[in-house]
Each structure stands twice: as C-alpha cells, then as structure tokens.
Amino acid sequence: MFPQDFSTDFEKNKDSLNKLRIFQSKISRNISAGYLVKLAGEEVL
C-alpha cells in the first residue's frame, strides 16, 4: 500500500485497509479510514 492507494473517499479507504487485513474490528478500520480521509484532505499523503 502506498499513499496513492488512499484518498478523500472513505469507502475506498475502507476497502484498501481491508486488503491489508491488519484490523480485527470494524471500528478500528473505520477510525483509520476516517483519519486517512482527513490526511488526504490536508494533502499530507
């Protein structure tokens, strides 16, 4: 996974994180996907 795999699209970020399979719970995955949306919106990625 690379920065270009993440964007301001929450659903796309969730799918990308699912492919990594590092989260055991939906809550952790969703929090991380939301954080990635925030970072992508700030163009930090």
C-alpha atoms as a PDB file:
ATOM      1  CA  MET A   1       0.000   0.000   0.000  1.00  0.00           C
ATOM      2  CA  PHE A   2       1.233   3.401  -0.950  1.00  0.00           C
ATOM      3  CA  PRO A   3      -0.123   6.921  -0.430  1.00  0.00           C
ATOM      4  CA  GLN A   4      -1.773   6.892  -3.861  1.00  0.00           C
ATOM      5  CA  ASP A   5      -3.953   3.992  -2.637  1.00  0.00           C
ATOM      6  CA  PHE A   6      -5.748   6.350  -0.247  1.00  0.00           C
ATOM      7  CA  SER A   7      -7.928   9.368  -0.966  1.00  0.00           C
ATOM      8  CA  THR A   8     -10.703  11.539   0.429  1.00  0.00           C
ATOM      9  CA  ASP A   9     -13.159   8.707  -0.380  1.00  0.00           C
ATOM     10  CA  PHE A  10     -13.990   6.948   2.894  1.00  0.00           C
ATOM     11  CA  GLU A  11     -15.337   3.778   1.220  1.00  0.00           C
ATOM     12  CA  LYS A  12     -12.246   3.398  -0.973  1.00  0.00           C
ATOM     13  CA  ASN A  13     -10.020   3.792   2.081  1.00  0.00           C
ATOM     14  CA  LYS A  14     -12.014   1.117   3.942  1.00  0.00           C
ATOM     15  CA  ASP A  15     -11.561  -1.278   1.016  1.00  0.00           C
ATOM     16  CA  SER A  16      -7.837  -0.553   0.861  1.00  0.00           C
ATOM     17  CA  LEU A  17      -7.479  -1.183   4.592  1.00  0.00           C
ATOM     18  CA  ASN A  18      -9.465  -4.422   4.278  1.00  0.00           C
ATOM     19  CA  LYS A  19      -6.899  -5.652   1.750  1.00  0.00           C
ATOM     20  CA  LEU A  20      -4.166  -5.143   4.340  1.00  0.00           C
ATOM     21  CA  ARG A  21      -6.090  -7.253   6.886  1.00  0.00           C
ATOM     22  CA  ILE A  22      -4.363  -5.670   9.874  1.00  0.00           C
ATOM     23  CA  PHE A  23      -7.571  -4.673  11.676  1.00  0.00           C
ATOM     24  CA  GLN A  24      -9.546  -7.161  13.718  1.00  0.00           C
ATOM     25  CA  SER A  25     -12.530  -4.890  14.230  1.00  0.00           C
ATOM     26  CA  LYS A  26     -14.686  -2.699  12.021  1.00  0.00           C
ATOM     27  CA  ILE A  27     -14.369   0.148  14.489  1.00  0.00           C
ATOM     28  CA  SER A  28     -10.565   0.257  14.234  1.00  0.00           C
ATOM     29  CA  ARG A  29     -10.706   0.036  10.451  1.00  0.00           C
ATOM     30  CA  ASN A  30     -13.320   2.800  10.189  1.00  0.00           C
ATOM     31  CA  ILE A  31     -11.428   5.118  12.531  1.00  0.00           C
ATOM     32  CA  SER A  32      -8.267   4.610  10.476  1.00  0.00           C
ATOM     33  CA  ALA A  33     -10.127   5.109   7.178  1.00  0.00           C
ATOM     34  CA  GLY A  34     -11.607   8.353   8.521  1.00  0.00           C
ATOM     35  CA  TYR A  35      -8.184   9.546   9.617  1.00  0.00           C
ATOM     36  CA  LEU A  36      -6.825   8.825   6.134  1.00  0.00           C
ATOM     37  CA  VAL A  37      -9.663  10.905   4.652  1.00  0.00           C
ATOM     38  CA  LYS A  38      -8.637  13.769   6.900  1.00  0.00           C
ATOM     39  CA  LEU A  39      -4.971  13.434   5.934  1.00  0.00           C
ATOM     40  CA  ALA A  40      -5.784  13.207   2.227  1.00  0.00           C
ATOM     41  CA  GLY A  41      -7.941  16.334   2.535  1.00  0.00           C
ATOM     42  CA  GLU A  42      -4.992  18.182   4.021  1.00  0.00           C
ATOM     43  CA  GLU A  43      -2.772  16.798   1.233  1.00  0.00           C
ATOM     44  CA  VAL A  44      -0.327  15.326   3.731  1.00  0.00           C
ATOM     45  CA  LEU A  45      -0.241  11.954   1.935  1.00  0.00           C
END
